Amino acid sequence: VASTMVQDKRVTFKRRAAYHTKGNKIQVLRTPGGRYTIKYRTKRVSPPRCGDCGILLNGIKAFRPKPDMKNAKKRQLTVSRAYGGAICANCVQIRIKRAFLIEEQKIVKALLQTRKSG
């Protein structure tokens, strides 16, 4: 009976801490020469969210690593609207309505004040 030897698949970390942390994930690869080596996995990107309600922002690209954002095109980082890229359309609509109603309230209050005094 011929016995086959099993190749050792153990690998060591090449950089960073030697702990199994979220930022230290690896994938074991077999090279064409038969050696086993590792490839570091990047973290999943958390896409940009609305500053008010927290829902995902459509039309805005998520970046990892963060410095890639400074080289990105403007069209990837914003949408052509007030607060585009920071707040969702629904929240902008709510803000506009609220501002309008507050202004209306101020006008009514001033009107009542003049009627009361005059």
C-alpha atoms as a PDB file:
ATOM      1  CA  VAL A   1       0.000   0.000   0.000  1.00  0.00           C
ATOM      2  CA  ALA A   2       1.462   3.318  -1.077  1.00  0.00           C
ATOM      3  CA  SER A   3       1.131   6.112   1.462  1.00  0.00           C
ATOM      4  CA  THR A   4       0.765   9.678   0.301  1.00  0.00           C
ATOM      5  CA  MET A   5       2.180  12.529   2.305  1.00  0.00           C
ATOM      6  CA  VAL A   6      -0.125  15.452   2.995  1.00  0.00           C
ATOM      7  CA  GLN A   7       1.410  18.852   2.341  1.00  0.00           C
ATOM      8  CA  ASP A   8       1.366  21.270   5.259  1.00  0.00           C
ATOM      9  CA  LYS A   9      -1.130  24.116   4.651  1.00  0.00           C
ATOM     10  CA  ARG A  10      -0.190  26.236   7.635  1.00  0.00           C
ATOM     11  CA  VAL A  11       0.744  29.834   6.887  1.00  0.00           C
ATOM     12  CA  THR A  12       1.882  32.811   8.933  1.00  0.00           C
ATOM     13  CA  PHE A  13       0.810  36.444   8.848  1.00  0.00           C
ATOM     14  CA  LYS A  14       3.115  38.686   6.807  1.00  0.00           C
ATOM     15  CA  ARG A  15       2.227  42.035   8.361  1.00  0.00           C
ATOM     16  CA  ARG A  16       0.115  43.735  11.057  1.00  0.00           C
ATOM     17  CA  ALA A  17      -0.807  42.025  14.299  1.00  0.00           C
ATOM     18  CA  ALA A  18      -0.812  38.248  14.641  1.00  0.00           C
ATOM     19  CA  TYR A  19      -4.409  38.260  15.858  1.00  0.00           C
ATOM     20  CA  HIS A  20      -7.605  37.171  14.149  1.00  0.00           C
ATOM     21  CA  THR A  21      -9.156  40.638  13.984  1.00  0.00           C
ATOM     22  CA  LYS A  22     -11.639  42.199  11.551  1.00  0.00           C
ATOM     23  CA  GLY A  23      -8.902  44.121   9.757  1.00  0.00           C
ATOM     24  CA  ASN A  24      -6.488  41.179   9.590  1.00  0.00           C
ATOM     25  CA  LYS A  25      -8.403  38.680   7.449  1.00  0.00           C
ATOM     26  CA  ILE A  26      -6.450  36.492   5.052  1.00  0.00           C
ATOM     27  CA  GLN A  27      -7.087  34.042   2.227  1.00  0.00           C
ATOM     28  CA  VAL A  28      -4.768  31.062   1.786  1.00  0.00           C
ATOM     29  CA  LEU A  29      -3.575  30.638  -1.808  1.00  0.00           C
ATOM     30  CA  ARG A  30      -1.568  27.910  -3.485  1.00  0.00           C
ATOM     31  CA  THR A  31       1.115  29.231  -5.815  1.00  0.00           C
ATOM     32  CA  PRO A  32       1.978  27.508  -9.107  1.00  0.00           C
ATOM     33  CA  GLY A  33       5.179  26.278  -7.427  1.00  0.00           C
ATOM     34  CA  GLY A  34       3.122  24.393  -4.856  1.00  0.00           C
ATOM     35  CA  ARG A  35       3.792  26.686  -1.896  1.00  0.00           C
ATOM     36  CA  TYR A  36       0.979  28.090   0.225  1.00  0.00           C
ATOM     37  CA  THR A  37       0.900  31.834   0.703  1.00  0.00           C
ATOM     38  CA  ILE A  38      -1.611  34.389   1.948  1.00  0.00           C
ATOM     39  CA  LYS A  39      -3.506  37.304   0.465  1.00  0.00           C
ATOM     40  CA  TYR A  40      -4.881  39.973   2.770  1.00  0.00           C
ATOM     41  CA  ARG A  41      -8.598  40.614   2.319  1.00  0.00           C
ATOM     42  CA  THR A  42      -9.856  44.202   2.404  1.00  0.00           C
ATOM     43  CA  LYS A  43     -12.819  45.127   4.550  1.00  0.00           C
ATOM     44  CA  ARG A  44     -16.241  45.458   3.002  1.00  0.00           C
ATOM     45  CA  VAL A  45     -17.199  49.046   2.283  1.00  0.00           C
ATOM     46  CA  SER A  46     -20.004  50.632   4.272  1.00  0.00           C
ATOM     47  CA  PRO A  47     -21.871  52.843   1.791  1.00  0.00           C
ATOM     48  CA  PRO A  48     -22.683  56.481   2.593  1.00  0.00           C
ATOM     49  CA  ARG A  49     -25.887  57.084   4.546  1.00  0.00           C
ATOM     50  CA  CYS A  50     -28.258  60.000   5.080  1.00  0.00           C
ATOM     51  CA  GLY A  51     -27.184  62.286   7.903  1.00  0.00           C
ATOM     52  CA  ASP A  52     -30.755  62.639   9.185  1.00  0.00           C
ATOM     53  CA  CYS A  53     -32.567  59.324   8.773  1.00  0.00           C
ATOM     54  CA  GLY A  54     -29.652  56.953   8.081  1.00  0.00           C
ATOM     55  CA  ILE A  55     -30.887  55.313   4.856  1.00  0.00           C
ATOM     56  CA  LEU A  56     -28.444  54.494   2.045  1.00  0.00           C
ATOM     57  CA  LEU A  57     -27.742  57.364  -0.345  1.00  0.00           C
ATOM     58  CA  ASN A  58     -28.396  56.507  -3.986  1.00  0.00           C
ATOM     59  CA  GLY A  59     -25.928  57.677  -6.613  1.00  0.00           C
ATOM     60  CA  ILE A  60     -22.999  58.042  -4.208  1.00  0.00           C
ATOM     61  CA  LYS A  61     -20.071  55.665  -4.601  1.00  0.00           C
ATOM     62  CA  ALA A  62     -18.643  53.927  -1.543  1.00  0.00           C
ATOM     63  CA  PHE A  63     -14.856  54.065  -1.234  1.00  0.00           C
ATOM     64  CA  ARG A  64     -12.232  51.981   0.475  1.00  0.00           C
ATOM     65  CA  PRO A  65      -9.631  53.050   1.366  1.00  0.00           C
ATOM     66  CA  LYS A  66     -10.838  56.503   2.343  1.00  0.00           C
ATOM     67  CA  PRO A  67      -7.986  58.398   0.577  1.00  0.00           C
ATOM     68  CA  ASP A  68      -9.409  57.165  -2.759  1.00  0.00           C
ATOM     69  CA  MET A  69     -12.214  59.705  -2.271  1.00  0.00           C
ATOM     70  CA  LYS A  70      -9.908  62.652  -2.881  1.00  0.00           C
ATOM     71  CA  ASN A  71      -9.023  61.303  -6.342  1.00  0.00           C
ATOM     72  CA  ALA A  72     -12.647  60.526  -7.201  1.00  0.00           C
ATOM     73  CA  LYS A  73     -14.670  62.496  -9.710  1.00  0.00           C
ATOM     74  CA  LYS A  74     -17.249  64.947  -8.400  1.00  0.00           C
ATOM     75  CA  ARG A  75     -20.072  63.002 -10.022  1.00  0.00           C
ATOM     76  CA  GLN A  76     -19.178  59.962  -7.897  1.00  0.00           C
ATOM     77  CA  LEU A  77     -19.379  61.903  -4.629  1.00  0.00           C
ATOM     78  CA  THR A  78     -22.482  64.072  -4.970  1.00  0.00           C
ATOM     79  CA  VAL A  79     -25.886  64.472  -6.573  1.00  0.00           C
ATOM     80  CA  SER A  80     -27.089  67.787  -8.032  1.00  0.00           C
ATOM     81  CA  ARG A  81     -29.444  68.860  -5.282  1.00  0.00           C
ATOM     82  CA  ALA A  82     -29.253  70.893  -2.101  1.00  0.00           C
ATOM     83  CA  TYR A  83     -27.397  68.774   0.489  1.00  0.00           C
ATOM     84  CA  GLY A  84     -26.604  66.304  -2.332  1.00  0.00           C
ATOM     85  CA  GLY A  85     -24.414  63.489  -1.044  1.00  0.00           C
ATOM     86  CA  ALA A  86     -25.098  64.261   2.610  1.00  0.00           C
ATOM     87  CA  ILE A  87     -28.882  64.008   3.060  1.00  0.00           C
ATOM     88  CA  CYS A  88     -31.490  61.994   1.141  1.00  0.00           C
ATOM     89  CA  ALA A  89     -34.104  63.699  -1.056  1.00  0.00           C
ATOM     90  CA  ASN A  90     -36.904  62.975   1.393  1.00  0.00           C
ATOM     91  CA  CYS A  91     -35.139  64.707   4.282  1.00  0.00           C
ATOM     92  CA  VAL A  92     -34.314  67.732   2.088  1.00  0.00           C
ATOM     93  CA  GLN A  93     -38.005  67.991   1.203  1.00  0.00           C
ATOM     94  CA  ILE A  94     -38.945  67.890   4.892  1.00  0.00           C
ATOM     95  CA  ARG A  95     -36.362  70.609   5.702  1.00  0.00           C
ATOM     96  CA  ILE A  96     -37.686  72.897   2.957  1.00  0.00           C
ATOM     97  CA  LYS A  97     -41.284  72.470   4.137  1.00  0.00           C
ATOM     98  CA  ARG A  98     -40.292  73.065   7.754  1.00  0.00           C
ATOM     99  CA  ALA A  99     -38.377  76.247   6.872  1.00  0.00           C
ATOM    100  CA  PHE A 100     -41.326  77.523   4.833  1.00  0.00           C
ATOM    101  CA  LEU A 101     -43.804  76.869   7.645  1.00  0.00           C
ATOM    102  CA  ILE A 102     -41.553  78.561  10.204  1.00  0.00           C
ATOM    103  CA  GLU A 103     -41.328  81.663   7.978  1.00  0.00           C
ATOM    104  CA  GLU A 104     -45.117  81.659   7.547  1.00  0.00           C
ATOM    105  CA  GLN A 105     -45.513  81.391  11.312  1.00  0.00           C
ATOM    106  CA  LYS A 106     -43.231  84.413  11.817  1.00  0.00           C
ATOM    107  CA  ILE A 107     -45.319  86.470   9.350  1.00  0.00           C
ATOM    108  CA  VAL A 108     -48.571  85.512  11.101  1.00  0.00           C
ATOM    109  CA  LYS A 109     -47.088  86.336  14.496  1.00  0.00           C
ATOM    110  CA  ALA A 110     -45.925  89.770  13.263  1.00  0.00           C
ATOM    111  CA  LEU A 111     -49.360  90.417  11.722  1.00  0.00           C
ATOM    112  CA  LEU A 112     -51.118  89.558  14.998  1.00  0.00           C
ATOM    113  CA  GLN A 113     -48.680  91.777  16.892  1.00  0.00           C
ATOM    114  CA  THR A 114     -49.487  94.779  14.675  1.00  0.00           C
ATOM    115  CA  ARG A 115     -53.239  94.198  14.975  1.00  0.00           C
ATOM    116  CA  LYS A 116     -52.951  93.927  18.759  1.00  0.00           C
ATOM    117  CA  SER A 117     -50.936  97.137  19.126  1.00  0.00           C
ATOM    118  CA  GLY A 118     -52.803  99.138  16.452  1.00  0.00           C
END
